[in-house]
Amino acid sequence: MVTGKLSNALLEDIVFKYIRYRREDVITGAAVGEDNAIVDFGDEVAILSTDPITGAANDIGSLAVNISCNDISTSGGEPIGLLMTILAPPDATYEDIQMIMKDAGETAEKLNVEIIGGHTEITDAVNKIVVSTTAIGKINKKKLSQIEDIKIGDKVVVSKFIGIEGTSILLNDLEGYFIDKLNRNIIDIGKSYSSLISVVKEGKIGGEIGVNYMHDITEGGVLGAIWEAHRAIGKGIRIERKSIPITDVTRSMSEILGINPLRLISSGSMLMIVSDNQLEELRDRFEEEKIGLSIIGEVIEDGIYIEDRGKSKTIEPPEADELYRALDRFNTLNLQN
């Protein structure tokens, strides 16, 4: 099988179709384009999300906390607690575990989230450390987003810029490979993107304004997120290639690796669908927090397209993330050398 999370087609064919039993108190369950589950507890609802960190070697404690908390924020909720599982191979050291927990603890404190439990195990079932976190959050039921309120003409926006997580992982983990290929300053800037991976602020602002759809741009990159949003809202989306924010750092790194940055994991950038009357307030609130905001497209009747230099192209469903393709290529080159 191809490295990375299962494609949406496979998820629907061999995973989702076996999830048949439904409870009335589960508001949102497993579905393409949904970042979390939502469970009804009266006036308040619980928001839950789980994710593993498998594609990174460095900063995985911090990544594990940020990624799951990001998913909670896409519903406009407040992350409260984390359950954390660490599976480490026999050649891992006590210092490895200690560093993961130090990074996780510091990141959780910054986000006002408590690590409330989990599991730590040494096992030969893995050949490198895997960290999986389950985040628990809450929101008042009246503040839940309403996808059905999305209208034709609503704007599709993204925060910060794309490729944040993928750029950080690749320049941290493969730093030696890029030493003679990129300027030292460019490498250091890309490595520092790890500090931008949280979208909790974006989610909080979006929740307060009443944004009807938010999606953390993870595996599959911005094009994957657009395709999943299209499926989730049941309407079409058209975006402009030239409007997608991407830094010279990510662009240069992607050219060297021969990967498509629009398909690169992008945690740290939030995709949002906002009405015209929400847009100005959202822009003002983001500006106050020094968060970049770019309009990249709009909701249309049907179809899913990217416009590039006068040509319109259908956006295909996401497959394996470019991060894994880059790592596989790097590992192949190492074996050949």
C-alpha atoms as a PDB file:
ATOM      1  CA  MET A   1       0.000   0.000   0.000  1.00  0.00           C
ATOM      2  CA  VAL A   2       1.040   3.619  -0.517  1.00  0.00           C
ATOM      3  CA  THR A   3       2.561   5.394   2.497  1.00  0.00           C
ATOM      4  CA  GLY A   4       0.283   7.951   4.154  1.00  0.00           C
ATOM      5  CA  LYS A   5      -3.334   8.085   5.241  1.00  0.00           C
ATOM      6  CA  LEU A   6      -5.845   6.144   3.164  1.00  0.00           C
ATOM      7  CA  SER A   7      -7.379   7.989   0.240  1.00  0.00           C
ATOM      8  CA  ASN A   8     -10.923   9.243   0.708  1.00  0.00           C
ATOM      9  CA  ALA A   9     -12.164   6.655  -1.801  1.00  0.00           C
ATOM     10  CA  LEU A  10     -10.595   3.846   0.237  1.00  0.00           C
ATOM     11  CA  LEU A  11     -11.872   5.313   3.489  1.00  0.00           C
ATOM     12  CA  GLU A  12     -15.400   5.218   2.145  1.00  0.00           C
ATOM     13  CA  ASP A  13     -14.971   1.742   0.628  1.00  0.00           C
ATOM     14  CA  ILE A  14     -13.247  -0.180   3.438  1.00  0.00           C
ATOM     15  CA  VAL A  15     -13.702   1.950   6.576  1.00  0.00           C
ATOM     16  CA  PHE A  16     -16.763   4.211   6.660  1.00  0.00           C
ATOM     17  CA  LYS A  17     -19.198   1.711   5.169  1.00  0.00           C
ATOM     18  CA  TYR A  18     -18.739  -0.516   8.213  1.00  0.00           C
ATOM     19  CA  ILE A  19     -19.631   2.301  10.619  1.00  0.00           C
ATOM     20  CA  ARG A  20     -23.364   1.664  10.513  1.00  0.00           C
ATOM     21  CA  TYR A  21     -24.638   2.171  14.045  1.00  0.00           C
ATOM     22  CA  ARG A  22     -25.601   5.758  14.877  1.00  0.00           C
ATOM     23  CA  ARG A  23     -26.575   7.408  18.153  1.00  0.00           C
ATOM     24  CA  GLU A  24     -28.879  10.410  18.443  1.00  0.00           C
ATOM     25  CA  ASP A  25     -26.455  12.230  20.751  1.00  0.00           C
ATOM     26  CA  VAL A  26     -23.645  12.132  18.163  1.00  0.00           C
ATOM     27  CA  ILE A  27     -24.071  15.332  16.153  1.00  0.00           C
ATOM     28  CA  THR A  28     -21.101  14.818  13.816  1.00  0.00           C
ATOM     29  CA  GLY A  29     -19.450  11.468  13.222  1.00  0.00           C
ATOM     30  CA  ALA A  30     -16.899   9.987  10.823  1.00  0.00           C
ATOM     31  CA  ALA A  31     -17.030  11.673   7.395  1.00  0.00           C
ATOM     32  CA  VAL A  32     -14.797  13.062   4.657  1.00  0.00           C
ATOM     33  CA  GLY A  33     -14.032  16.750   5.241  1.00  0.00           C
ATOM     34  CA  GLU A  34     -14.873  16.686   8.951  1.00  0.00           C
ATOM     35  CA  ASP A  35     -11.934  17.220  11.314  1.00  0.00           C
ATOM     36  CA  ASN A  36     -13.622  15.986  14.483  1.00  0.00           C
ATOM     37  CA  ALA A  37     -16.571  14.292  16.136  1.00  0.00           C
ATOM     38  CA  ILE A  38     -19.175  16.291  18.054  1.00  0.00           C
ATOM     39  CA  VAL A  39     -21.228  14.764  20.871  1.00  0.00           C
ATOM     40  CA  ASP A  40     -24.315  16.366  22.424  1.00  0.00           C
ATOM     41  CA  PHE A  41     -24.201  16.967  26.180  1.00  0.00           C
ATOM     42  CA  GLY A  42     -27.081  19.416  26.504  1.00  0.00           C
ATOM     43  CA  ASP A  43     -26.195  23.110  26.319  1.00  0.00           C
ATOM     44  CA  GLU A  44     -22.537  22.186  25.775  1.00  0.00           C
ATOM     45  CA  VAL A  45     -21.178  19.766  23.201  1.00  0.00           C
ATOM     46  CA  ALA A  46     -17.951  17.778  23.354  1.00  0.00           C
ATOM     47  CA  ILE A  47     -15.558  17.990  20.404  1.00  0.00           C
ATOM     48  CA  LEU A  48     -13.143  15.085  19.924  1.00  0.00           C
ATOM     49  CA  SER A  49     -10.340  14.401  17.478  1.00  0.00           C
ATOM     50  CA  THR A  50      -7.453  11.950  17.212  1.00  0.00           C
ATOM     51  CA  ASP A  51      -4.293  11.949  15.094  1.00  0.00           C
ATOM     52  CA  PRO A  52      -0.906  10.198  14.988  1.00  0.00           C
ATOM     53  CA  ILE A  53       2.441  11.767  14.131  1.00  0.00           C
ATOM     54  CA  THR A  54       4.243   9.386  11.772  1.00  0.00           C
ATOM     55  CA  GLY A  55       6.005  11.511   9.126  1.00  0.00           C
ATOM     56  CA  ALA A  56       8.327  13.545  11.371  1.00  0.00           C
ATOM     57  CA  ALA A  57      11.456  12.713  13.366  1.00  0.00           C
ATOM     58  CA  ASN A  58      11.901  16.048  15.173  1.00  0.00           C
ATOM     59  CA  ASP A  59       9.515  18.132  17.312  1.00  0.00           C
ATOM     60  CA  ILE A  60       6.981  15.290  17.426  1.00  0.00           C
ATOM     61  CA  GLY A  61       5.853  16.092  20.970  1.00  0.00           C
ATOM     62  CA  SER A  62       4.904  19.626  19.968  1.00  0.00           C
ATOM     63  CA  LEU A  63       3.422  18.482  16.652  1.00  0.00           C
ATOM     64  CA  ALA A  64       1.268  15.850  18.360  1.00  0.00           C
ATOM     65  CA  VAL A  65      -0.301  18.440  20.672  1.00  0.00           C
ATOM     66  CA  ASN A  66      -0.806  21.077  17.981  1.00  0.00           C
ATOM     67  CA  ILE A  67      -2.307  18.784  15.345  1.00  0.00           C
ATOM     68  CA  SER A  68      -5.132  17.429  17.499  1.00  0.00           C
ATOM     69  CA  CYS A  69      -5.863  20.811  19.090  1.00  0.00           C
ATOM     70  CA  ASN A  70      -6.038  22.312  15.587  1.00  0.00           C
ATOM     71  CA  ASP A  71      -8.807  19.874  14.707  1.00  0.00           C
ATOM     72  CA  ILE A  72     -10.806  20.931  17.769  1.00  0.00           C
ATOM     73  CA  SER A  73     -10.456  24.567  16.709  1.00  0.00           C
ATOM     74  CA  THR A  74     -12.059  23.925  13.307  1.00  0.00           C
ATOM     75  CA  SER A  75     -15.407  23.720  15.111  1.00  0.00           C
ATOM     76  CA  GLY A  76     -14.700  26.983  16.910  1.00  0.00           C
ATOM     77  CA  GLY A  77     -14.325  25.102  20.175  1.00  0.00           C
ATOM     78  CA  GLU A  78     -11.859  25.350  23.036  1.00  0.00           C
ATOM     79  CA  PRO A  79      -9.429  22.427  23.441  1.00  0.00           C
ATOM     80  CA  ILE A  80      -9.326  21.327  27.084  1.00  0.00           C
ATOM     81  CA  GLY A  81      -7.494  18.020  27.451  1.00  0.00           C
ATOM     82  CA  LEU A  82      -5.301  15.534  25.610  1.00  0.00           C
ATOM     83  CA  LEU A  83      -4.829  11.783  25.828  1.00  0.00           C
ATOM     84  CA  MET A  84      -1.377  10.888  24.526  1.00  0.00           C
ATOM     85  CA  THR A  85      -0.025   7.500  23.410  1.00  0.00           C
ATOM     86  CA  ILE A  86       3.682   6.955  22.730  1.00  0.00           C
ATOM     87  CA  LEU A  87       4.851   3.762  21.008  1.00  0.00           C
ATOM     88  CA  ALA A  88       8.645   3.546  20.835  1.00  0.00           C
ATOM     89  CA  PRO A  89      10.919   0.851  19.349  1.00  0.00           C
ATOM     90  CA  PRO A  90      13.398  -1.042  21.572  1.00  0.00           C
ATOM     91  CA  ASP A  91      16.324   1.112  20.385  1.00  0.00           C
ATOM     92  CA  ALA A  92      14.658   4.308  21.659  1.00  0.00           C
ATOM     93  CA  THR A  93      16.249   5.941  24.701  1.00  0.00           C
ATOM     94  CA  TYR A  94      14.793   7.339  27.899  1.00  0.00           C
ATOM     95  CA  GLU A  95      16.031  10.721  26.676  1.00  0.00           C
ATOM     96  CA  ASP A  96      13.898  10.353  23.529  1.00  0.00           C
ATOM     97  CA  ILE A  97      10.751   9.874  25.634  1.00  0.00           C
ATOM     98  CA  GLN A  98      11.747  12.688  27.967  1.00  0.00           C
ATOM     99  CA  MET A  99      12.270  15.149  25.090  1.00  0.00           C
ATOM    100  CA  ILE A 100       8.895  14.268  23.540  1.00  0.00           C
ATOM    101  CA  MET A 101       7.113  14.871  26.824  1.00  0.00           C
ATOM    102  CA  LYS A 102       9.046  18.084  27.507  1.00  0.00           C
ATOM    103  CA  ASP A 103       8.020  19.500  24.111  1.00  0.00           C
ATOM    104  CA  ALA A 104       4.438  18.240  24.486  1.00  0.00           C
ATOM    105  CA  GLY A 105       4.124  19.686  27.992  1.00  0.00           C
ATOM    106  CA  GLU A 106       5.436  23.105  26.977  1.00  0.00           C
ATOM    107  CA  THR A 107       3.166  23.267  23.916  1.00  0.00           C
ATOM    108  CA  ALA A 108       0.106  22.159  25.913  1.00  0.00           C
ATOM    109  CA  GLU A 109       0.774  24.860  28.500  1.00  0.00           C
ATOM    110  CA  LYS A 110       0.944  27.545  25.784  1.00  0.00           C
ATOM    111  CA  LEU A 111      -2.447  26.370  24.478  1.00  0.00           C
ATOM    112  CA  ASN A 112      -3.996  26.141  27.977  1.00  0.00           C
ATOM    113  CA  VAL A 113      -4.566  22.399  27.464  1.00  0.00           C
ATOM    114  CA  GLU A 114      -3.947  19.659  30.045  1.00  0.00           C
ATOM    115  CA  ILE A 115      -2.421  16.287  29.155  1.00  0.00           C
ATOM    116  CA  ILE A 116      -4.887  14.197  31.134  1.00  0.00           C
ATOM    117  CA  GLY A 117      -3.692  10.668  30.411  1.00  0.00           C
ATOM    118  CA  GLY A 118      -2.456   8.211  27.823  1.00  0.00           C
ATOM    119  CA  HIS A 119      -0.112   5.281  27.370  1.00  0.00           C
ATOM    120  CA  THR A 120       3.661   4.884  26.918  1.00  0.00           C
ATOM    121  CA  GLU A 121       5.095   1.610  25.608  1.00  0.00           C
ATOM    122  CA  ILE A 122       8.298   0.164  24.162  1.00  0.00           C
ATOM    123  CA  THR A 123       7.394  -2.281  21.402  1.00  0.00           C
ATOM    124  CA  ASP A 124       8.967  -4.001  18.406  1.00  0.00           C
ATOM    125  CA  ALA A 125       5.678  -3.447  16.555  1.00  0.00           C
ATOM    126  CA  VAL A 126       7.112  -0.073  15.380  1.00  0.00           C
ATOM    127  CA  ASN A 127      10.511   0.786  13.895  1.00  0.00           C
ATOM    128  CA  LYS A 128      10.387   4.457  14.909  1.00  0.00           C
ATOM    129  CA  ILE A 129       8.566   6.475  17.548  1.00  0.00           C
ATOM    130  CA  VAL A 130       4.858   6.998  16.901  1.00  0.00           C
ATOM    131  CA  VAL A 131       2.896   9.521  18.969  1.00  0.00           C
ATOM    132  CA  SER A 132      -0.900   9.602  18.814  1.00  0.00           C
ATOM    133  CA  THR A 133      -3.058  12.159  20.602  1.00  0.00           C
ATOM    134  CA  THR A 134      -6.772  12.450  21.216  1.00  0.00           C
ATOM    135  CA  ALA A 135      -7.973  15.972  21.965  1.00  0.00           C
ATOM    136  CA  ILE A 136     -11.123  16.826  23.878  1.00  0.00           C
ATOM    137  CA  GLY A 137     -12.774  20.218  23.620  1.00  0.00           C
ATOM    138  CA  LYS A 138     -16.077  21.944  24.193  1.00  0.00           C
ATOM    139  CA  ILE A 139     -18.343  24.629  22.740  1.00  0.00           C
ATOM    140  CA  ASN A 140     -21.799  25.973  23.459  1.00  0.00           C
ATOM    141  CA  LYS A 141     -24.267  24.238  21.156  1.00  0.00           C
ATOM    142  CA  LYS A 142     -25.664  27.581  19.951  1.00  0.00           C
ATOM    143  CA  LYS A 143     -22.233  28.493  18.526  1.00  0.00           C
ATOM    144  CA  LEU A 144     -21.833  25.403  16.354  1.00  0.00           C
ATOM    145  CA  SER A 145     -21.174  26.119  12.693  1.00  0.00           C
ATOM    146  CA  GLN A 146     -23.984  25.434  10.219  1.00  0.00           C
ATOM    147  CA  ILE A 147     -22.740  24.073   6.896  1.00  0.00           C
ATOM    148  CA  GLU A 148     -26.253  24.301   5.446  1.00  0.00           C
ATOM    149  CA  ASP A 149     -26.057  28.119   5.736  1.00  0.00           C
ATOM    150  CA  ILE A 150     -23.185  28.333   3.225  1.00  0.00           C
ATOM    151  CA  LYS A 151     -24.299  30.190   0.086  1.00  0.00           C
ATOM    152  CA  ILE A 152     -23.126  30.526  -3.499  1.00  0.00           C
ATOM    153  CA  GLY A 153     -20.611  33.369  -3.634  1.00  0.00           C
ATOM    154  CA  ASP A 154     -19.273  32.858  -0.104  1.00  0.00           C
ATOM    155  CA  LYS A 155     -15.519  33.365  -0.067  1.00  0.00           C
ATOM    156  CA  VAL A 156     -12.893  30.646   0.460  1.00  0.00           C
ATOM    157  CA  VAL A 157      -9.983  31.966   2.520  1.00  0.00           C
ATOM    158  CA  VAL A 158      -6.818  30.561   4.095  1.00  0.00           C
ATOM    159  CA  SER A 159      -4.780  31.803   7.028  1.00  0.00           C
ATOM    160  CA  LYS A 160      -1.004  32.394   6.989  1.00  0.00           C
ATOM    161  CA  PHE A 161       0.446  30.472   4.018  1.00  0.00           C
ATOM    162  CA  ILE A 162       0.437  26.905   2.746  1.00  0.00           C
ATOM    163  CA  GLY A 163       3.021  24.180   3.314  1.00  0.00           C
ATOM    164  CA  ILE A 164       3.881  25.218   6.870  1.00  0.00           C
ATOM    165  CA  GLU A 165       4.092  21.776   8.479  1.00  0.00           C
ATOM    166  CA  GLY A 166       5.598  20.004   5.468  1.00  0.00           C
ATOM    167  CA  THR A 167       8.293  22.640   5.050  1.00  0.00           C
ATOM    168  CA  SER A 168       9.161  22.520   8.749  1.00  0.00           C
ATOM    169  CA  ILE A 169       9.373  18.721   8.826  1.00  0.00           C
ATOM    170  CA  LEU A 170      11.466  18.401   5.671  1.00  0.00           C
ATOM    171  CA  LEU A 171      13.948  21.166   6.521  1.00  0.00           C
ATOM    172  CA  ASN A 172      14.318  19.928  10.106  1.00  0.00           C
ATOM    173  CA  ASP A 173      14.611  16.224   9.319  1.00  0.00           C
ATOM    174  CA  LEU A 174      16.615  16.549   6.079  1.00  0.00           C
ATOM    175  CA  GLU A 175      18.690  19.592   7.013  1.00  0.00           C
ATOM    176  CA  GLY A 176      21.953  17.941   5.971  1.00  0.00           C
ATOM    177  CA  TYR A 177      20.601  17.250   2.489  1.00  0.00           C
ATOM    178  CA  PHE A 178      19.785  20.932   1.915  1.00  0.00           C
ATOM    179  CA  ILE A 179      23.030  22.439   3.298  1.00  0.00           C
ATOM    180  CA  ASP A 180      24.615  22.792  -0.145  1.00  0.00           C
ATOM    181  CA  LYS A 181      21.331  23.385  -1.970  1.00  0.00           C
ATOM    182  CA  LEU A 182      19.699  26.254  -0.080  1.00  0.00           C
ATOM    183  CA  ASN A 183      20.938  29.406   1.606  1.00  0.00           C
ATOM    184  CA  ARG A 184      21.495  28.904   5.373  1.00  0.00           C
ATOM    185  CA  ASN A 185      18.997  31.674   6.158  1.00  0.00           C
ATOM    186  CA  ILE A 186      16.307  29.995   4.042  1.00  0.00           C
ATOM    187  CA  ILE A 187      16.833  26.687   5.867  1.00  0.00           C
ATOM    188  CA  ASP A 188      16.589  28.372   9.278  1.00  0.00           C
ATOM    189  CA  ILE A 189      13.410  30.233   8.309  1.00  0.00           C
ATOM    190  CA  GLY A 190      11.796  27.006   7.096  1.00  0.00           C
ATOM    191  CA  LYS A 191      12.795  25.148  10.251  1.00  0.00           C
ATOM    192  CA  SER A 192      11.200  27.920  12.326  1.00  0.00           C
ATOM    193  CA  TYR A 193       7.812  27.277  10.683  1.00  0.00           C
ATOM    194  CA  SER A 194       7.266  24.711  13.448  1.00  0.00           C
ATOM    195  CA  SER A 195       6.293  27.673  15.667  1.00  0.00           C
ATOM    196  CA  LEU A 196       3.390  28.513  13.304  1.00  0.00           C
ATOM    197  CA  ILE A 197       1.601  25.149  13.286  1.00  0.00           C
ATOM    198  CA  SER A 198      -1.209  26.056  15.702  1.00  0.00           C
ATOM    199  CA  VAL A 199      -4.497  27.343  14.244  1.00  0.00           C
ATOM    200  CA  VAL A 200      -6.244  27.558  17.621  1.00  0.00           C
ATOM    201  CA  LYS A 201      -6.394  31.371  17.399  1.00  0.00           C
ATOM    202  CA  GLU A 202      -7.925  31.204  13.924  1.00  0.00           C
ATOM    203  CA  GLY A 203     -10.500  28.696  15.128  1.00  0.00           C
ATOM    204  CA  LYS A 204     -11.427  30.791  18.151  1.00  0.00           C
ATOM    205  CA  ILE A 205     -11.922  33.910  16.046  1.00  0.00           C
ATOM    206  CA  GLY A 206     -13.877  31.981  13.412  1.00  0.00           C
ATOM    207  CA  GLY A 207     -16.105  30.489  16.098  1.00  0.00           C
ATOM    208  CA  GLU A 208     -16.818  33.893  17.643  1.00  0.00           C
ATOM    209  CA  ILE A 209     -17.704  35.392  14.255  1.00  0.00           C
ATOM    210  CA  GLY A 210     -19.866  32.417  13.306  1.00  0.00           C
ATOM    211  CA  VAL A 211     -17.927  31.063  10.320  1.00  0.00           C
ATOM    212  CA  ASN A 212     -19.882  28.115   8.910  1.00  0.00           C
ATOM    213  CA  TYR A 213     -16.968  25.953   7.757  1.00  0.00           C
ATOM    214  CA  MET A 214     -13.357  25.608   8.919  1.00  0.00           C
ATOM    215  CA  HIS A 215     -10.869  22.905   7.978  1.00  0.00           C
ATOM    216  CA  ASP A 216      -7.261  22.476   9.131  1.00  0.00           C
ATOM    217  CA  ILE A 217      -5.131  21.972   5.992  1.00  0.00           C
ATOM    218  CA  THR A 218      -3.336  18.712   6.762  1.00  0.00           C
ATOM    219  CA  GLU A 219      -2.384  15.730   4.557  1.00  0.00           C
ATOM    220  CA  GLY A 220      -3.114  16.360   0.903  1.00  0.00           C
ATOM    221  CA  GLY A 221      -2.302  20.057   1.206  1.00  0.00           C
ATOM    222  CA  VAL A 222      -4.507  22.931   0.164  1.00  0.00           C
ATOM    223  CA  LEU A 223      -5.884  21.113  -2.889  1.00  0.00           C
ATOM    224  CA  GLY A 224      -6.822  18.120  -0.747  1.00  0.00           C
ATOM    225  CA  ALA A 225      -8.502  20.419   1.769  1.00  0.00           C
ATOM    226  CA  ILE A 226     -10.472  22.145  -0.997  1.00  0.00           C
ATOM    227  CA  TRP A 227     -11.651  18.790  -2.349  1.00  0.00           C
ATOM    228  CA  GLU A 228     -12.721  17.652   1.132  1.00  0.00           C
ATOM    229  CA  ALA A 229     -14.489  20.958   1.775  1.00  0.00           C
ATOM    230  CA  HIS A 230     -16.375  20.537  -1.509  1.00  0.00           C
ATOM    231  CA  ARG A 231     -17.564  17.110  -0.335  1.00  0.00           C
ATOM    232  CA  ALA A 232     -18.488  18.355   3.137  1.00  0.00           C
ATOM    233  CA  ILE A 233     -20.559  21.382   2.074  1.00  0.00           C
ATOM    234  CA  GLY A 234     -22.272  19.729  -0.905  1.00  0.00           C
ATOM    235  CA  LYS A 235     -21.506  22.658  -3.212  1.00  0.00           C
ATOM    236  CA  GLY A 236     -18.870  23.560  -5.788  1.00  0.00           C
ATOM    237  CA  ILE A 237     -15.658  25.525  -5.182  1.00  0.00           C
ATOM    238  CA  ARG A 238     -13.464  27.478  -7.579  1.00  0.00           C
ATOM    239  CA  ILE A 239     -10.038  28.778  -6.521  1.00  0.00           C
ATOM    240  CA  GLU A 240      -7.318  30.916  -8.137  1.00  0.00           C
ATOM    241  CA  ARG A 241      -3.794  29.480  -8.235  1.00  0.00           C
ATOM    242  CA  LYS A 242      -2.168  32.920  -8.108  1.00  0.00           C
ATOM    243  CA  SER A 243      -4.088  33.822  -4.925  1.00  0.00           C
ATOM    244  CA  ILE A 244      -2.770  30.872  -2.876  1.00  0.00           C
ATOM    245  CA  PRO A 245      -0.145  32.212  -0.437  1.00  0.00           C
ATOM    246  CA  ILE A 246       3.177  30.355  -0.595  1.00  0.00           C
ATOM    247  CA  THR A 247       6.591  31.506   0.618  1.00  0.00           C
ATOM    248  CA  ASP A 248       9.823  31.484  -1.373  1.00  0.00           C
ATOM    249  CA  VAL A 249      11.168  29.046   1.229  1.00  0.00           C
ATOM    250  CA  THR A 250       8.499  26.427   0.506  1.00  0.00           C
ATOM    251  CA  ARG A 251       8.644  27.081  -3.231  1.00  0.00           C
ATOM    252  CA  SER A 252      12.448  26.661  -3.401  1.00  0.00           C
ATOM    253  CA  MET A 253      12.442  23.531  -1.241  1.00  0.00           C
ATOM    254  CA  SER A 254       9.650  21.976  -3.305  1.00  0.00           C
ATOM    255  CA  GLU A 255      11.491  22.643  -6.575  1.00  0.00           C
ATOM    256  CA  ILE A 256      14.606  20.873  -5.271  1.00  0.00           C
ATOM    257  CA  LEU A 257      12.591  17.865  -4.109  1.00  0.00           C
ATOM    258  CA  GLY A 258      10.378  17.808  -7.204  1.00  0.00           C
ATOM    259  CA  ILE A 259       7.139  17.947  -5.186  1.00  0.00           C
ATOM    260  CA  ASN A 260       3.918  19.930  -5.541  1.00  0.00           C
ATOM    261  CA  PRO A 261       3.583  22.389  -2.618  1.00  0.00           C
ATOM    262  CA  LEU A 262      -0.177  22.559  -3.199  1.00  0.00           C
ATOM    263  CA  ARG A 263      -0.332  18.893  -2.150  1.00  0.00           C
ATOM    264  CA  LEU A 264       2.028  19.266   0.825  1.00  0.00           C
ATOM    265  CA  ILE A 265       0.775  18.847   4.408  1.00  0.00           C
ATOM    266  CA  SER A 266      -0.030  22.338   5.669  1.00  0.00           C
ATOM    267  CA  SER A 267      -1.042  22.269   9.334  1.00  0.00           C
ATOM    268  CA  GLY A 268      -0.812  25.859  10.551  1.00  0.00           C
ATOM    269  CA  SER A 269      -3.025  27.142   7.749  1.00  0.00           C
ATOM    270  CA  MET A 270      -6.794  27.145   8.234  1.00  0.00           C
ATOM    271  CA  LEU A 271      -9.248  26.902   5.335  1.00  0.00           C
ATOM    272  CA  MET A 272     -12.441  28.861   6.010  1.00  0.00           C
ATOM    273  CA  ILE A 273     -15.618  29.596   4.066  1.00  0.00           C
ATOM    274  CA  VAL A 274     -17.023  33.000   5.019  1.00  0.00           C
ATOM    275  CA  SER A 275     -19.893  35.200   3.899  1.00  0.00           C
ATOM    276  CA  ASP A 276     -19.237  38.695   2.558  1.00  0.00           C
ATOM    277  CA  ASN A 277     -20.563  40.301   5.732  1.00  0.00           C
ATOM    278  CA  GLN A 278     -18.163  38.226   7.869  1.00  0.00           C
ATOM    279  CA  LEU A 279     -15.100  38.887   5.756  1.00  0.00           C
ATOM    280  CA  GLU A 280     -14.268  42.404   6.940  1.00  0.00           C
ATOM    281  CA  GLU A 281     -14.553  41.485  10.626  1.00  0.00           C
ATOM    282  CA  LEU A 282     -12.488  38.343  10.080  1.00  0.00           C
ATOM    283  CA  ARG A 283      -9.782  40.339   8.311  1.00  0.00           C
ATOM    284  CA  ASP A 284      -9.724  42.945  11.103  1.00  0.00           C
ATOM    285  CA  ARG A 285      -9.529  40.311  13.850  1.00  0.00           C
ATOM    286  CA  PHE A 286      -6.737  38.458  12.039  1.00  0.00           C
ATOM    287  CA  GLU A 287      -4.840  41.696  11.541  1.00  0.00           C
ATOM    288  CA  GLU A 288      -5.045  42.402  15.278  1.00  0.00           C
ATOM    289  CA  GLU A 289      -3.477  38.989  15.926  1.00  0.00           C
ATOM    290  CA  LYS A 290      -0.924  39.478  13.104  1.00  0.00           C
ATOM    291  CA  ILE A 291      -2.317  36.475  11.199  1.00  0.00           C
ATOM    292  CA  GLY A 292      -2.204  36.594   7.413  1.00  0.00           C
ATOM    293  CA  LEU A 293      -5.457  36.090   5.485  1.00  0.00           C
ATOM    294  CA  SER A 294      -5.846  35.401   1.753  1.00  0.00           C
ATOM    295  CA  ILE A 295      -9.002  35.053  -0.353  1.00  0.00           C
ATOM    296  CA  ILE A 296      -8.293  32.180  -2.741  1.00  0.00           C
ATOM    297  CA  GLY A 297     -11.709  31.454  -4.252  1.00  0.00           C
ATOM    298  CA  GLU A 298     -15.443  31.192  -3.806  1.00  0.00           C
ATOM    299  CA  VAL A 299     -18.339  28.764  -3.495  1.00  0.00           C
ATOM    300  CA  ILE A 300     -20.098  27.930  -6.783  1.00  0.00           C
ATOM    301  CA  GLU A 301     -23.071  25.795  -7.745  1.00  0.00           C
ATOM    302  CA  ASP A 302     -21.188  22.628  -8.652  1.00  0.00           C
ATOM    303  CA  GLY A 303     -17.760  21.279  -9.560  1.00  0.00           C
ATOM    304  CA  ILE A 304     -14.315  21.863  -8.071  1.00  0.00           C
ATOM    305  CA  TYR A 305     -11.798  23.842 -10.084  1.00  0.00           C
ATOM    306  CA  ILE A 306      -8.480  25.635  -9.901  1.00  0.00           C
ATOM    307  CA  GLU A 307      -7.910  28.539 -12.300  1.00  0.00           C
ATOM    308  CA  ASP A 308      -4.314  28.950 -13.424  1.00  0.00           C
ATOM    309  CA  ARG A 309      -3.181  31.452 -16.096  1.00  0.00           C
ATOM    310  CA  GLY A 310      -6.513  31.492 -17.842  1.00  0.00           C
ATOM    311  CA  LYS A 311      -7.049  27.738 -17.764  1.00  0.00           C
ATOM    312  CA  SER A 312      -9.528  25.878 -15.553  1.00  0.00           C
ATOM    313  CA  LYS A 313      -8.613  22.433 -14.223  1.00  0.00           C
ATOM    314  CA  THR A 314     -10.651  20.009 -12.124  1.00  0.00           C
ATOM    315  CA  ILE A 315      -9.118  19.341  -8.693  1.00  0.00           C
ATOM    316  CA  GLU A 316      -8.599  15.621  -8.221  1.00  0.00           C
ATOM    317  CA  PRO A 317      -9.199  13.792  -4.900  1.00  0.00           C
ATOM    318  CA  PRO A 318      -6.205  13.766  -2.522  1.00  0.00           C
ATOM    319  CA  GLU A 319      -3.850  10.793  -2.554  1.00  0.00           C
ATOM    320  CA  ALA A 320      -0.584  10.253  -0.651  1.00  0.00           C
ATOM    321  CA  ASP A 321       0.827  13.514   0.692  1.00  0.00           C
ATOM    322  CA  GLU A 322       3.900  14.969  -1.014  1.00  0.00           C
ATOM    323  CA  LEU A 323       5.702  14.747   2.334  1.00  0.00           C
ATOM    324  CA  TYR A 324       5.825  10.963   2.088  1.00  0.00           C
ATOM    325  CA  ARG A 325       6.871  11.101  -1.560  1.00  0.00           C
ATOM    326  CA  ALA A 326       9.765  13.387  -0.631  1.00  0.00           C
ATOM    327  CA  LEU A 327      10.850  11.163   2.279  1.00  0.00           C
ATOM    328  CA  ASP A 328      10.610   8.013   0.154  1.00  0.00           C
ATOM    329  CA  ARG A 329      12.726   9.637  -2.563  1.00  0.00           C
ATOM    330  CA  PHE A 330      15.308  10.774  -0.008  1.00  0.00           C
ATOM    331  CA  ASN A 331      15.514   7.283   1.523  1.00  0.00           C
ATOM    332  CA  THR A 332      15.914   5.732  -1.943  1.00  0.00           C
ATOM    333  CA  LEU A 333      18.796   8.121  -2.741  1.00  0.00           C
ATOM    334  CA  ASN A 334      20.484   7.200   0.568  1.00  0.00           C
ATOM    335  CA  LEU A 335      20.199   3.468  -0.190  1.00  0.00           C
ATOM    336  CA  GLN A 336      21.715   4.017  -3.650  1.00  0.00           C
ATOM    337  CA  ASN A 337      24.620   5.937  -2.141  1.00  0.00           C
END
